[in-house]
Amino acid sequence: MCNLYANTMPPAAMRQLFDVEPGRDQLGNAEPLPAIFPKGAAPIAALGDDGERELLNTHWGFVLPQVSKKTGKPIQPKAVNNARDDKLRTSSFWKSSFAERRCLVPATSFCETKGRNPATYVWFGVEGEGERPPFAFAGIWRGFKGNYGGELRELVTSSIMTTTPNELVRETHPDRMPVILEPDDYEAWLTAEPEDAFALIRPYPAEKWSSTRVARV
């Protein structure tokens, strides 16, 4: 988890939510994204080289090179779209990005599945004004340049932090949930020392959630 979320905010709403100047919005005429899957386009708010906030389009999932067990030759890389809090500070795959390249991932809901045949799809959102109040996942990002899908590509990639679930999400996914930040913590997540930022990784309070839609397929 989380392998599916939605961000139906227009760029202007994201600029307002994250206090980004219009000239630092690189999303263009971004359309609403009702279903974002791994390897899909995922907007983020991050700090530029000058320390100012900007909006970027990213590839959802850090690129992990893969090698065929049969031939030993490179195969399609894996997109690792979730970063576990219990591995964040020890794994070389995540460590430098957490220390140096944290970001905010805008969203309006996220989905978890339970069971199979039929599977139950539960969409979660936060409580607030409107049908789908906006929020932000805690995220990290990094660049990638290399062979991907049979061609040389240069990407900005992102991944969403996960932690233990609260009692509401645990009913659907007993192991993990994405980290949702309080607006007052956006600045600290982007700029604080790693130890202080790590303290922000915690389950979002169940009383602030609304389990919004349930579907079986």
N, C-alpha and C. Protein backbone atom coordinates (compact mmCIF):
# COMPACT_ATOMS: atom_id res chain seq x y z
N MET A 1 0.85 -1.17 0.00
CA MET A 1 0.00 0.00 0.00
C MET A 1 0.89 1.23 0.00
N CYS A 2 0.47 2.35 -0.29
CA CYS A 2 -0.74 2.73 -1.00
C CYS A 2 -0.43 2.66 -2.50
N ASN A 3 -1.27 1.95 -3.26
CA ASN A 3 -1.01 1.77 -4.68
C ASN A 3 -2.01 2.49 -5.57
N LEU A 4 -2.84 3.30 -4.98
CA LEU A 4 -3.81 4.06 -5.76
C LEU A 4 -4.28 5.25 -4.92
N TYR A 5 -4.21 6.44 -5.51
CA TYR A 5 -4.77 7.62 -4.85
C TYR A 5 -5.26 8.60 -5.89
N ALA A 6 -5.94 9.63 -5.42
CA ALA A 6 -6.51 10.63 -6.32
C ALA A 6 -6.04 12.02 -5.91
N ASN A 7 -5.87 12.86 -6.92
CA ASN A 7 -5.58 14.27 -6.68
C ASN A 7 -6.38 15.06 -7.71
N THR A 8 -7.55 15.52 -7.31
CA THR A 8 -8.42 16.23 -8.23
C THR A 8 -8.30 17.75 -8.09
N MET A 9 -7.28 18.21 -7.38
CA MET A 9 -7.06 19.66 -7.23
C MET A 9 -6.51 20.26 -8.52
N PRO A 10 -6.99 21.43 -8.94
CA PRO A 10 -6.34 22.16 -10.02
C PRO A 10 -5.04 22.78 -9.52
N PRO A 11 -4.13 23.13 -10.44
CA PRO A 11 -2.86 23.72 -10.01
C PRO A 11 -3.01 24.93 -9.10
N ALA A 12 -4.01 25.77 -9.36
CA ALA A 12 -4.19 26.96 -8.51
C ALA A 12 -4.47 26.57 -7.06
N ALA A 13 -5.23 25.50 -6.86
CA ALA A 13 -5.52 25.05 -5.50
C ALA A 13 -4.27 24.48 -4.84
N MET A 14 -3.43 23.80 -5.62
CA MET A 14 -2.19 23.28 -5.06
C MET A 14 -1.23 24.41 -4.71
N ARG A 15 -1.19 25.43 -5.54
CA ARG A 15 -0.34 26.58 -5.22
C ARG A 15 -0.77 27.23 -3.92
N GLN A 16 -2.08 27.35 -3.73
CA GLN A 16 -2.59 27.95 -2.50
C GLN A 16 -2.31 27.06 -1.30
N LEU A 17 -2.54 25.76 -1.44
CA LEU A 17 -2.35 24.83 -0.33
C LEU A 17 -0.91 24.83 0.15
N PHE A 18 0.04 24.91 -0.79
CA PHE A 18 1.45 24.79 -0.43
C PHE A 18 2.22 26.10 -0.50
N ASP A 19 1.50 27.21 -0.70
CA ASP A 19 2.13 28.53 -0.72
C ASP A 19 3.25 28.58 -1.76
N VAL A 20 2.90 28.25 -3.01
CA VAL A 20 3.84 28.25 -4.13
C VAL A 20 3.51 29.42 -5.05
N GLU A 21 4.50 30.21 -5.41
CA GLU A 21 4.30 31.33 -6.33
C GLU A 21 3.95 30.81 -7.72
N PRO A 22 3.07 31.51 -8.47
CA PRO A 22 2.67 31.03 -9.80
C PRO A 22 3.85 30.76 -10.72
N GLY A 23 4.88 31.58 -10.65
CA GLY A 23 6.03 31.39 -11.52
C GLY A 23 6.85 30.15 -11.20
N ARG A 24 6.56 29.51 -10.08
CA ARG A 24 7.29 28.30 -9.69
C ARG A 24 6.43 27.05 -9.82
N ASP A 25 5.35 27.17 -10.56
CA ASP A 25 4.45 26.05 -10.84
C ASP A 25 4.83 25.47 -12.20
N GLN A 26 5.38 24.26 -12.19
CA GLN A 26 5.81 23.60 -13.42
C GLN A 26 4.81 22.54 -13.89
N LEU A 27 3.59 22.58 -13.37
CA LEU A 27 2.60 21.57 -13.73
C LEU A 27 1.89 21.89 -15.04
N GLY A 28 1.95 23.14 -15.49
CA GLY A 28 1.23 23.52 -16.70
C GLY A 28 -0.28 23.44 -16.48
N ASN A 29 -1.02 23.10 -17.53
CA ASN A 29 -2.47 22.98 -17.43
C ASN A 29 -2.83 21.57 -16.97
N ALA A 30 -2.45 21.24 -15.76
CA ALA A 30 -2.65 19.89 -15.25
C ALA A 30 -4.14 19.59 -15.08
N GLU A 31 -4.54 18.42 -15.56
CA GLU A 31 -5.91 17.96 -15.43
C GLU A 31 -6.10 17.29 -14.07
N PRO A 32 -7.35 17.22 -13.56
CA PRO A 32 -7.60 16.45 -12.34
C PRO A 32 -7.19 15.00 -12.54
N LEU A 33 -6.66 14.39 -11.50
CA LEU A 33 -6.17 13.01 -11.57
C LEU A 33 -6.99 12.14 -10.61
N PRO A 34 -8.09 11.55 -11.07
CA PRO A 34 -8.94 10.76 -10.19
C PRO A 34 -8.37 9.39 -9.84
N ALA A 35 -7.31 8.95 -10.54
CA ALA A 35 -6.71 7.64 -10.26
C ALA A 35 -5.23 7.71 -10.62
N ILE A 36 -4.37 7.75 -9.60
CA ILE A 36 -2.93 7.77 -9.79
C ILE A 36 -2.38 6.42 -9.34
N PHE A 37 -1.75 5.71 -10.27
CA PHE A 37 -1.18 4.41 -10.01
C PHE A 37 0.35 4.49 -10.02
N PRO A 38 1.04 3.49 -9.46
CA PRO A 38 2.50 3.46 -9.58
C PRO A 38 2.94 3.59 -11.04
N LYS A 39 4.00 4.33 -11.24
CA LYS A 39 4.58 4.68 -12.55
C LYS A 39 3.81 5.79 -13.25
N GLY A 40 2.73 6.29 -12.60
CA GLY A 40 1.97 7.37 -13.20
C GLY A 40 2.50 8.73 -12.81
N ALA A 41 1.93 9.77 -13.43
CA ALA A 41 2.32 11.15 -13.13
C ALA A 41 1.79 11.55 -11.77
N ALA A 42 2.67 12.09 -10.92
CA ALA A 42 2.30 12.45 -9.55
C ALA A 42 2.87 13.82 -9.21
N PRO A 43 2.05 14.85 -9.12
CA PRO A 43 2.55 16.17 -8.72
C PRO A 43 3.08 16.16 -7.30
N ILE A 44 4.09 16.99 -7.05
CA ILE A 44 4.62 17.18 -5.70
C ILE A 44 4.94 18.65 -5.49
N ALA A 45 5.04 19.05 -4.23
CA ALA A 45 5.60 20.34 -3.86
C ALA A 45 6.93 20.06 -3.16
N ALA A 46 8.00 20.68 -3.66
CA ALA A 46 9.34 20.45 -3.13
C ALA A 46 10.10 21.76 -3.12
N LEU A 47 11.26 21.74 -2.50
CA LEU A 47 12.11 22.93 -2.47
C LEU A 47 13.04 22.93 -3.67
N GLY A 48 13.13 24.09 -4.35
CA GLY A 48 14.07 24.24 -5.44
C GLY A 48 15.49 24.45 -4.92
N ASP A 49 16.42 24.60 -5.84
CA ASP A 49 17.82 24.78 -5.45
C ASP A 49 18.03 26.02 -4.59
N ASP A 50 17.14 27.00 -4.74
CA ASP A 50 17.26 28.23 -3.96
C ASP A 50 16.47 28.18 -2.65
N GLY A 51 15.88 27.02 -2.34
CA GLY A 51 15.15 26.88 -1.09
C GLY A 51 13.70 27.33 -1.14
N GLU A 52 13.23 27.76 -2.31
CA GLU A 52 11.84 28.19 -2.45
C GLU A 52 10.98 27.01 -2.91
N ARG A 53 9.71 27.02 -2.53
CA ARG A 53 8.81 25.93 -2.91
C ARG A 53 8.43 26.00 -4.38
N GLU A 54 8.30 24.83 -5.00
CA GLU A 54 7.84 24.75 -6.37
C GLU A 54 7.00 23.49 -6.57
N LEU A 55 6.15 23.51 -7.60
CA LEU A 55 5.34 22.36 -7.96
C LEU A 55 5.97 21.65 -9.15
N LEU A 56 6.11 20.33 -9.04
CA LEU A 56 6.75 19.53 -10.08
C LEU A 56 5.88 18.32 -10.40
N ASN A 57 5.99 17.83 -11.64
CA ASN A 57 5.42 16.55 -11.99
C ASN A 57 6.48 15.48 -11.79
N THR A 58 6.13 14.37 -11.17
CA THR A 58 7.08 13.30 -10.96
C THR A 58 6.51 11.96 -11.44
N HIS A 59 7.39 11.00 -11.52
CA HIS A 59 7.04 9.60 -11.77
C HIS A 59 6.84 8.96 -10.41
N TRP A 60 5.62 8.39 -10.16
CA TRP A 60 5.37 7.84 -8.83
C TRP A 60 6.06 6.49 -8.69
N GLY A 61 7.14 6.52 -7.93
CA GLY A 61 7.91 5.32 -7.66
C GLY A 61 9.38 5.53 -7.95
N PHE A 62 10.23 5.33 -6.95
CA PHE A 62 11.67 5.34 -7.17
C PHE A 62 12.01 4.17 -8.10
N VAL A 63 12.91 4.40 -9.03
CA VAL A 63 13.26 3.38 -10.01
C VAL A 63 14.32 2.44 -9.40
N LEU A 64 13.98 1.16 -9.34
CA LEU A 64 14.88 0.14 -8.82
C LEU A 64 15.29 -0.79 -9.96
N PRO A 65 16.54 -0.72 -10.42
CA PRO A 65 16.97 -1.60 -11.52
C PRO A 65 16.77 -3.07 -11.18
N GLN A 66 16.39 -3.85 -12.18
CA GLN A 66 16.15 -5.28 -12.01
C GLN A 66 17.00 -6.08 -13.02
N VAL A 67 17.40 -7.27 -12.62
CA VAL A 67 18.17 -8.16 -13.48
C VAL A 67 17.46 -9.50 -13.56
N SER A 68 17.36 -10.07 -14.74
CA SER A 68 16.72 -11.37 -14.92
C SER A 68 17.49 -12.46 -14.18
N LYS A 69 16.78 -13.27 -13.40
CA LYS A 69 17.42 -14.37 -12.70
C LYS A 69 17.87 -15.47 -13.67
N LYS A 70 17.23 -15.52 -14.84
CA LYS A 70 17.57 -16.54 -15.82
C LYS A 70 18.77 -16.14 -16.68
N THR A 71 18.76 -14.89 -17.15
CA THR A 71 19.78 -14.47 -18.12
C THR A 71 20.85 -13.57 -17.52
N GLY A 72 20.56 -12.96 -16.36
CA GLY A 72 21.50 -12.00 -15.78
C GLY A 72 21.51 -10.66 -16.47
N LYS A 73 20.60 -10.47 -17.41
CA LYS A 73 20.54 -9.21 -18.15
C LYS A 73 19.51 -8.28 -17.52
N PRO A 74 19.69 -6.96 -17.72
CA PRO A 74 18.72 -6.01 -17.16
C PRO A 74 17.32 -6.22 -17.74
N ILE A 75 16.31 -6.08 -16.89
CA ILE A 75 14.92 -6.12 -17.31
C ILE A 75 14.24 -4.85 -16.84
N GLN A 76 12.96 -4.75 -17.10
CA GLN A 76 12.22 -3.53 -16.75
C GLN A 76 12.39 -3.20 -15.26
N PRO A 77 12.85 -1.99 -14.93
CA PRO A 77 13.01 -1.63 -13.51
C PRO A 77 11.68 -1.64 -12.77
N LYS A 78 11.77 -1.77 -11.48
CA LYS A 78 10.61 -1.73 -10.60
C LYS A 78 10.41 -0.32 -10.08
N ALA A 79 9.16 0.10 -9.94
CA ALA A 79 8.84 1.41 -9.36
C ALA A 79 8.44 1.21 -7.91
N VAL A 80 9.26 1.68 -6.98
CA VAL A 80 8.98 1.50 -5.55
C VAL A 80 8.29 2.76 -5.06
N ASN A 81 6.97 2.67 -4.91
CA ASN A 81 6.17 3.87 -4.69
C ASN A 81 5.86 4.15 -3.22
N ASN A 82 6.21 3.23 -2.32
CA ASN A 82 6.02 3.45 -0.89
C ASN A 82 7.34 3.27 -0.16
N ALA A 83 7.61 4.14 0.80
CA ALA A 83 8.83 4.08 1.62
C ALA A 83 8.42 3.80 3.06
N ARG A 84 8.86 2.69 3.61
CA ARG A 84 8.50 2.31 4.98
C ARG A 84 9.29 3.11 6.00
N ASP A 85 8.60 3.55 7.06
CA ASP A 85 9.29 4.34 8.08
C ASP A 85 10.34 3.52 8.83
N ASP A 86 10.14 2.20 8.94
CA ASP A 86 11.09 1.38 9.69
C ASP A 86 12.36 1.07 8.91
N LYS A 87 12.40 1.45 7.64
CA LYS A 87 13.60 1.24 6.83
C LYS A 87 14.21 2.55 6.33
N LEU A 88 13.56 3.63 6.66
CA LEU A 88 13.88 4.92 6.08
C LEU A 88 15.29 5.39 6.39
N ARG A 89 15.75 5.17 7.61
CA ARG A 89 17.04 5.71 8.03
C ARG A 89 18.17 4.69 7.97
N THR A 90 17.86 3.46 7.55
CA THR A 90 18.88 2.42 7.50
C THR A 90 19.17 1.94 6.08
N SER A 91 18.18 2.00 5.20
CA SER A 91 18.36 1.52 3.84
C SER A 91 19.00 2.59 2.96
N SER A 92 20.04 2.21 2.23
CA SER A 92 20.70 3.16 1.32
C SER A 92 19.76 3.59 0.20
N PHE A 93 18.72 2.82 -0.05
CA PHE A 93 17.77 3.15 -1.11
C PHE A 93 16.96 4.40 -0.75
N TRP A 94 16.73 4.63 0.55
CA TRP A 94 15.88 5.74 0.99
C TRP A 94 16.64 6.83 1.73
N LYS A 95 17.73 6.47 2.39
CA LYS A 95 18.33 7.32 3.41
C LYS A 95 18.67 8.73 2.94
N SER A 96 19.36 8.87 1.83
CA SER A 96 19.78 10.21 1.40
C SER A 96 18.60 11.05 0.95
N SER A 97 17.59 10.43 0.34
CA SER A 97 16.41 11.19 -0.09
C SER A 97 15.66 11.73 1.11
N PHE A 98 15.53 10.92 2.18
CA PHE A 98 14.86 11.41 3.38
C PHE A 98 15.63 12.56 4.00
N ALA A 99 16.95 12.47 4.02
CA ALA A 99 17.76 13.51 4.65
C ALA A 99 17.77 14.80 3.84
N GLU A 100 17.69 14.69 2.50
CA GLU A 100 17.96 15.85 1.65
C GLU A 100 16.82 16.26 0.72
N ARG A 101 15.85 15.36 0.45
CA ARG A 101 14.87 15.65 -0.60
C ARG A 101 13.47 15.20 -0.18
N ARG A 102 12.93 15.86 0.82
CA ARG A 102 11.56 15.57 1.22
C ARG A 102 10.59 16.44 0.42
N CYS A 103 9.37 15.96 0.28
CA CYS A 103 8.37 16.71 -0.51
C CYS A 103 6.98 16.48 0.05
N LEU A 104 6.04 17.25 -0.43
CA LEU A 104 4.63 17.14 -0.10
C LEU A 104 3.90 16.60 -1.33
N VAL A 105 3.07 15.58 -1.14
CA VAL A 105 2.37 14.95 -2.25
C VAL A 105 0.88 15.27 -2.12
N PRO A 106 0.35 16.15 -2.97
CA PRO A 106 -1.06 16.54 -2.84
C PRO A 106 -1.99 15.39 -3.20
N ALA A 107 -3.10 15.30 -2.46
CA ALA A 107 -4.09 14.25 -2.70
C ALA A 107 -5.45 14.71 -2.21
N THR A 108 -6.49 14.01 -2.69
CA THR A 108 -7.84 14.26 -2.20
C THR A 108 -8.48 12.98 -1.65
N SER A 109 -7.90 11.82 -1.93
CA SER A 109 -8.33 10.55 -1.33
C SER A 109 -7.33 9.48 -1.71
N PHE A 110 -7.36 8.35 -0.99
CA PHE A 110 -6.54 7.22 -1.37
C PHE A 110 -7.31 5.93 -1.16
N CYS A 111 -6.88 4.88 -1.83
CA CYS A 111 -7.63 3.64 -1.87
C CYS A 111 -6.83 2.48 -1.27
N GLU A 112 -7.54 1.62 -0.53
CA GLU A 112 -6.98 0.36 -0.07
C GLU A 112 -7.94 -0.76 -0.46
N THR A 113 -7.41 -1.94 -0.74
CA THR A 113 -8.24 -3.07 -1.10
C THR A 113 -8.16 -4.15 -0.02
N LYS A 114 -9.23 -4.92 0.05
CA LYS A 114 -9.31 -5.99 1.03
C LYS A 114 -9.96 -7.20 0.38
N GLY A 115 -9.28 -8.35 0.48
CA GLY A 115 -9.83 -9.58 -0.05
C GLY A 115 -9.77 -9.68 -1.56
N ARG A 116 -10.27 -10.80 -2.05
CA ARG A 116 -10.30 -11.06 -3.50
C ARG A 116 -11.59 -11.80 -3.85
N ASN A 117 -12.01 -11.61 -5.09
CA ASN A 117 -13.12 -12.37 -5.68
C ASN A 117 -14.38 -12.43 -4.80
N PRO A 118 -15.03 -11.33 -4.48
CA PRO A 118 -14.69 -9.99 -4.98
C PRO A 118 -13.77 -9.24 -4.01
N ALA A 119 -13.00 -8.32 -4.56
CA ALA A 119 -12.19 -7.43 -3.74
C ALA A 119 -13.03 -6.23 -3.31
N THR A 120 -12.76 -5.74 -2.12
CA THR A 120 -13.42 -4.54 -1.62
C THR A 120 -12.45 -3.38 -1.73
N TYR A 121 -12.85 -2.33 -2.43
CA TYR A 121 -12.04 -1.14 -2.61
C TYR A 121 -12.59 -0.03 -1.72
N VAL A 122 -11.80 0.42 -0.78
CA VAL A 122 -12.25 1.46 0.15
C VAL A 122 -11.44 2.73 -0.11
N TRP A 123 -12.13 3.82 -0.39
CA TRP A 123 -11.48 5.12 -0.60
C TRP A 123 -11.58 5.93 0.69
N PHE A 124 -10.43 6.41 1.14
CA PHE A 124 -10.36 7.20 2.36
C PHE A 124 -10.09 8.66 2.04
N GLY A 125 -10.70 9.54 2.82
CA GLY A 125 -10.43 10.96 2.71
C GLY A 125 -10.40 11.58 4.09
N VAL A 126 -10.00 12.83 4.16
CA VAL A 126 -9.98 13.53 5.44
C VAL A 126 -11.25 14.36 5.58
N GLU A 127 -11.60 14.65 6.81
CA GLU A 127 -12.77 15.48 7.04
C GLU A 127 -12.43 16.94 6.86
N GLY A 128 -13.41 17.71 6.40
CA GLY A 128 -13.20 19.14 6.16
C GLY A 128 -14.28 19.67 5.25
N GLU A 129 -14.05 20.83 4.69
CA GLU A 129 -15.04 21.45 3.82
C GLU A 129 -15.01 20.82 2.43
N GLY A 130 -16.19 20.64 1.85
CA GLY A 130 -16.28 20.09 0.51
C GLY A 130 -16.31 18.58 0.52
N GLU A 131 -16.59 18.00 -0.67
CA GLU A 131 -16.72 16.55 -0.79
C GLU A 131 -15.39 15.84 -0.64
N ARG A 132 -14.31 16.43 -1.18
CA ARG A 132 -12.99 15.83 -1.11
C ARG A 132 -11.98 16.89 -0.65
N PRO A 133 -11.90 17.17 0.64
CA PRO A 133 -10.94 18.17 1.12
C PRO A 133 -9.51 17.75 0.77
N PRO A 134 -8.68 18.70 0.35
CA PRO A 134 -7.30 18.36 -0.01
C PRO A 134 -6.44 18.09 1.21
N PHE A 135 -5.40 17.30 1.01
CA PHE A 135 -4.41 17.03 2.05
C PHE A 135 -3.08 16.72 1.38
N ALA A 136 -2.08 16.41 2.18
CA ALA A 136 -0.74 16.12 1.64
C ALA A 136 -0.14 14.91 2.33
N PHE A 137 0.32 13.96 1.53
CA PHE A 137 1.15 12.89 2.04
C PHE A 137 2.57 13.41 2.29
N ALA A 138 3.25 12.82 3.25
CA ALA A 138 4.69 13.03 3.40
C ALA A 138 5.40 12.21 2.34
N GLY A 139 6.26 12.87 1.57
CA GLY A 139 6.94 12.17 0.49
C GLY A 139 8.42 12.49 0.43
N ILE A 140 9.12 11.74 -0.42
CA ILE A 140 10.52 12.01 -0.73
C ILE A 140 10.69 11.90 -2.24
N TRP A 141 11.75 12.48 -2.76
CA TRP A 141 11.96 12.45 -4.21
C TRP A 141 13.44 12.30 -4.53
N ARG A 142 13.73 11.90 -5.77
CA ARG A 142 15.09 11.88 -6.27
C ARG A 142 15.06 11.78 -7.79
N GLY A 143 16.16 12.11 -8.42
CA GLY A 143 16.27 12.02 -9.86
C GLY A 143 16.69 10.63 -10.32
N PHE A 144 16.35 10.31 -11.55
CA PHE A 144 16.77 9.05 -12.18
C PHE A 144 17.15 9.33 -13.62
N LYS A 145 18.25 8.73 -14.06
CA LYS A 145 18.64 8.80 -15.46
C LYS A 145 19.19 7.44 -15.85
N GLY A 146 18.56 6.83 -16.85
CA GLY A 146 19.02 5.51 -17.28
C GLY A 146 18.02 4.86 -18.20
N ASN A 147 18.26 3.58 -18.47
CA ASN A 147 17.38 2.82 -19.35
C ASN A 147 16.11 2.46 -18.60
N TYR A 148 15.01 2.81 -19.19
CA TYR A 148 13.71 2.54 -18.57
C TYR A 148 12.71 2.31 -19.69
N GLY A 149 12.19 1.08 -19.74
CA GLY A 149 11.24 0.76 -20.80
C GLY A 149 11.87 0.72 -22.17
N GLY A 150 13.16 0.38 -22.23
CA GLY A 150 13.84 0.26 -23.51
C GLY A 150 14.35 1.56 -24.08
N GLU A 151 14.30 2.63 -23.29
CA GLU A 151 14.82 3.90 -23.78
C GLU A 151 15.50 4.66 -22.64
N LEU A 152 16.40 5.55 -23.02
CA LEU A 152 17.07 6.38 -22.03
C LEU A 152 16.11 7.45 -21.56
N ARG A 153 15.90 7.50 -20.24
CA ARG A 153 14.96 8.47 -19.69
C ARG A 153 15.60 9.20 -18.53
N GLU A 154 15.18 10.46 -18.37
CA GLU A 154 15.59 11.27 -17.23
C GLU A 154 14.33 11.70 -16.51
N LEU A 155 14.20 11.30 -15.25
CA LEU A 155 12.96 11.48 -14.51
C LEU A 155 13.21 12.10 -13.14
N VAL A 156 12.19 12.79 -12.63
CA VAL A 156 12.10 13.08 -11.20
C VAL A 156 11.12 12.06 -10.64
N THR A 157 11.54 11.28 -9.65
CA THR A 157 10.69 10.24 -9.09
C THR A 157 10.32 10.58 -7.65
N SER A 158 9.20 10.06 -7.21
CA SER A 158 8.75 10.33 -5.84
C SER A 158 8.23 9.05 -5.20
N SER A 159 8.19 9.05 -3.88
CA SER A 159 7.65 7.93 -3.11
C SER A 159 6.95 8.49 -1.88
N ILE A 160 5.93 7.78 -1.42
CA ILE A 160 5.11 8.21 -0.29
C ILE A 160 5.51 7.44 0.97
N MET A 161 5.64 8.17 2.08
CA MET A 161 5.97 7.54 3.34
C MET A 161 4.79 6.73 3.86
N THR A 162 5.09 5.58 4.48
CA THR A 162 4.05 4.78 5.13
C THR A 162 4.45 4.47 6.57
N THR A 163 3.44 4.23 7.40
CA THR A 163 3.66 3.91 8.81
C THR A 163 2.58 2.92 9.25
N THR A 164 2.53 2.62 10.53
CA THR A 164 1.50 1.71 11.03
C THR A 164 0.12 2.35 10.89
N PRO A 165 -0.92 1.55 10.65
CA PRO A 165 -2.25 2.14 10.41
C PRO A 165 -2.96 2.54 11.69
N ASN A 166 -3.86 3.52 11.56
CA ASN A 166 -4.75 3.82 12.68
C ASN A 166 -5.89 2.80 12.70
N GLU A 167 -6.78 2.89 13.67
CA GLU A 167 -7.81 1.87 13.83
C GLU A 167 -8.81 1.84 12.69
N LEU A 168 -9.00 2.96 12.00
CA LEU A 168 -9.94 2.99 10.87
C LEU A 168 -9.35 2.28 9.66
N VAL A 169 -8.14 2.64 9.28
CA VAL A 169 -7.50 2.05 8.11
C VAL A 169 -7.17 0.58 8.37
N ARG A 170 -6.86 0.23 9.62
CA ARG A 170 -6.47 -1.14 9.96
C ARG A 170 -7.56 -2.15 9.59
N GLU A 171 -8.82 -1.73 9.58
CA GLU A 171 -9.91 -2.63 9.22
C GLU A 171 -9.78 -3.11 7.78
N THR A 172 -9.16 -2.29 6.93
CA THR A 172 -8.98 -2.65 5.52
C THR A 172 -7.57 -3.13 5.24
N HIS A 173 -6.59 -2.40 5.77
CA HIS A 173 -5.18 -2.77 5.57
C HIS A 173 -4.52 -2.87 6.94
N PRO A 174 -4.23 -4.08 7.41
CA PRO A 174 -3.77 -4.24 8.80
C PRO A 174 -2.32 -3.87 9.05
N ASP A 175 -1.56 -3.58 7.99
CA ASP A 175 -0.12 -3.42 8.16
C ASP A 175 0.37 -1.98 8.03
N ARG A 176 -0.06 -1.24 6.99
CA ARG A 176 0.52 0.06 6.70
C ARG A 176 -0.56 1.05 6.30
N MET A 177 -0.23 2.34 6.43
CA MET A 177 -1.04 3.41 5.88
C MET A 177 -0.11 4.55 5.46
N PRO A 178 -0.51 5.37 4.49
CA PRO A 178 0.33 6.51 4.11
C PRO A 178 0.34 7.57 5.20
N VAL A 179 1.44 8.29 5.28
CA VAL A 179 1.58 9.36 6.27
C VAL A 179 0.96 10.63 5.73
N ILE A 180 -0.03 11.14 6.43
CA ILE A 180 -0.66 12.41 6.07
C ILE A 180 -0.21 13.46 7.08
N LEU A 181 0.20 14.59 6.57
CA LEU A 181 0.73 15.66 7.41
C LEU A 181 -0.33 16.70 7.73
N GLU A 182 -0.25 17.25 8.91
CA GLU A 182 -1.05 18.43 9.25
C GLU A 182 -0.47 19.64 8.50
N PRO A 183 -1.32 20.57 8.04
CA PRO A 183 -0.79 21.75 7.34
C PRO A 183 0.28 22.50 8.12
N ASP A 184 0.15 22.55 9.43
CA ASP A 184 1.14 23.25 10.24
C ASP A 184 2.51 22.57 10.21
N ASP A 185 2.55 21.32 9.72
CA ASP A 185 3.81 20.58 9.68
C ASP A 185 4.45 20.57 8.29
N TYR A 186 3.85 21.22 7.31
CA TYR A 186 4.41 21.20 5.96
C TYR A 186 5.83 21.76 5.93
N GLU A 187 6.01 22.90 6.56
CA GLU A 187 7.32 23.56 6.52
C GLU A 187 8.38 22.69 7.20
N ALA A 188 8.04 22.12 8.34
CA ALA A 188 9.00 21.28 9.05
C ALA A 188 9.37 20.05 8.23
N TRP A 189 8.38 19.45 7.58
CA TRP A 189 8.69 18.27 6.76
C TRP A 189 9.68 18.62 5.65
N LEU A 190 9.53 19.79 5.07
CA LEU A 190 10.41 20.18 3.97
C LEU A 190 11.79 20.63 4.44
N THR A 191 11.88 21.23 5.62
CA THR A 191 13.12 21.93 5.96
C THR A 191 13.80 21.46 7.24
N ALA A 192 13.13 20.73 8.11
CA ALA A 192 13.70 20.40 9.41
C ALA A 192 14.84 19.39 9.29
N GLU A 193 15.62 19.28 10.33
CA GLU A 193 16.64 18.25 10.40
C GLU A 193 15.96 16.88 10.37
N PRO A 194 16.64 15.85 9.85
CA PRO A 194 16.01 14.54 9.70
C PRO A 194 15.35 14.01 10.96
N GLU A 195 15.97 14.16 12.12
CA GLU A 195 15.37 13.64 13.34
C GLU A 195 14.04 14.31 13.65
N ASP A 196 13.97 15.62 13.42
CA ASP A 196 12.73 16.35 13.67
C ASP A 196 11.67 15.98 12.64
N ALA A 197 12.08 15.80 11.39
CA ALA A 197 11.14 15.39 10.36
C ALA A 197 10.61 13.99 10.63
N PHE A 198 11.48 13.10 11.12
CA PHE A 198 11.06 11.72 11.39
C PHE A 198 9.96 11.69 12.46
N ALA A 199 9.99 12.63 13.38
CA ALA A 199 8.97 12.68 14.44
C ALA A 199 7.58 12.98 13.88
N LEU A 200 7.50 13.48 12.65
CA LEU A 200 6.21 13.79 12.03
C LEU A 200 5.59 12.56 11.38
N ILE A 201 6.32 11.47 11.30
CA ILE A 201 5.81 10.25 10.69
C ILE A 201 5.01 9.48 11.72
N ARG A 202 3.70 9.54 11.61
CA ARG A 202 2.82 8.90 12.57
C ARG A 202 1.45 8.70 11.92
N PRO A 203 0.63 7.80 12.45
CA PRO A 203 -0.70 7.59 11.88
C PRO A 203 -1.56 8.85 12.03
N TYR A 204 -2.28 9.18 10.99
CA TYR A 204 -3.20 10.31 11.07
C TYR A 204 -4.38 9.92 11.96
N PRO A 205 -4.81 10.79 12.86
CA PRO A 205 -5.86 10.42 13.82
C PRO A 205 -7.13 9.94 13.13
N ALA A 206 -7.67 8.83 13.60
CA ALA A 206 -8.85 8.22 12.99
C ALA A 206 -10.05 9.16 13.02
N GLU A 207 -10.14 9.99 14.05
CA GLU A 207 -11.30 10.89 14.15
C GLU A 207 -11.30 11.98 13.09
N LYS A 208 -10.17 12.16 12.40
CA LYS A 208 -10.09 13.16 11.33
C LYS A 208 -10.27 12.55 9.95
N TRP A 209 -10.53 11.25 9.89
CA TRP A 209 -10.73 10.56 8.63
C TRP A 209 -12.21 10.47 8.30
N SER A 210 -12.47 10.29 7.05
CA SER A 210 -13.80 9.83 6.63
C SER A 210 -13.58 8.74 5.60
N SER A 211 -14.13 7.55 5.86
CA SER A 211 -14.07 6.45 4.89
C SER A 211 -15.17 6.74 3.89
N THR A 212 -14.80 7.12 2.67
CA THR A 212 -15.74 7.81 1.80
C THR A 212 -16.51 6.93 0.83
N ARG A 213 -15.83 6.02 0.16
CA ARG A 213 -16.53 5.22 -0.86
C ARG A 213 -16.09 3.77 -0.75
N VAL A 214 -17.01 2.87 -0.94
CA VAL A 214 -16.71 1.45 -0.94
C VAL A 214 -17.25 0.84 -2.23
N ALA A 215 -16.42 0.05 -2.92
CA ALA A 215 -16.86 -0.60 -4.14
C ALA A 215 -16.30 -2.02 -4.17
N ARG A 216 -17.05 -2.94 -4.75
CA ARG A 216 -16.59 -4.32 -4.91
C ARG A 216 -16.54 -4.65 -6.38
N VAL A 217 -15.45 -5.28 -6.83
CA VAL A 217 -15.33 -5.65 -8.23
C VAL A 217 -14.80 -7.09 -8.32
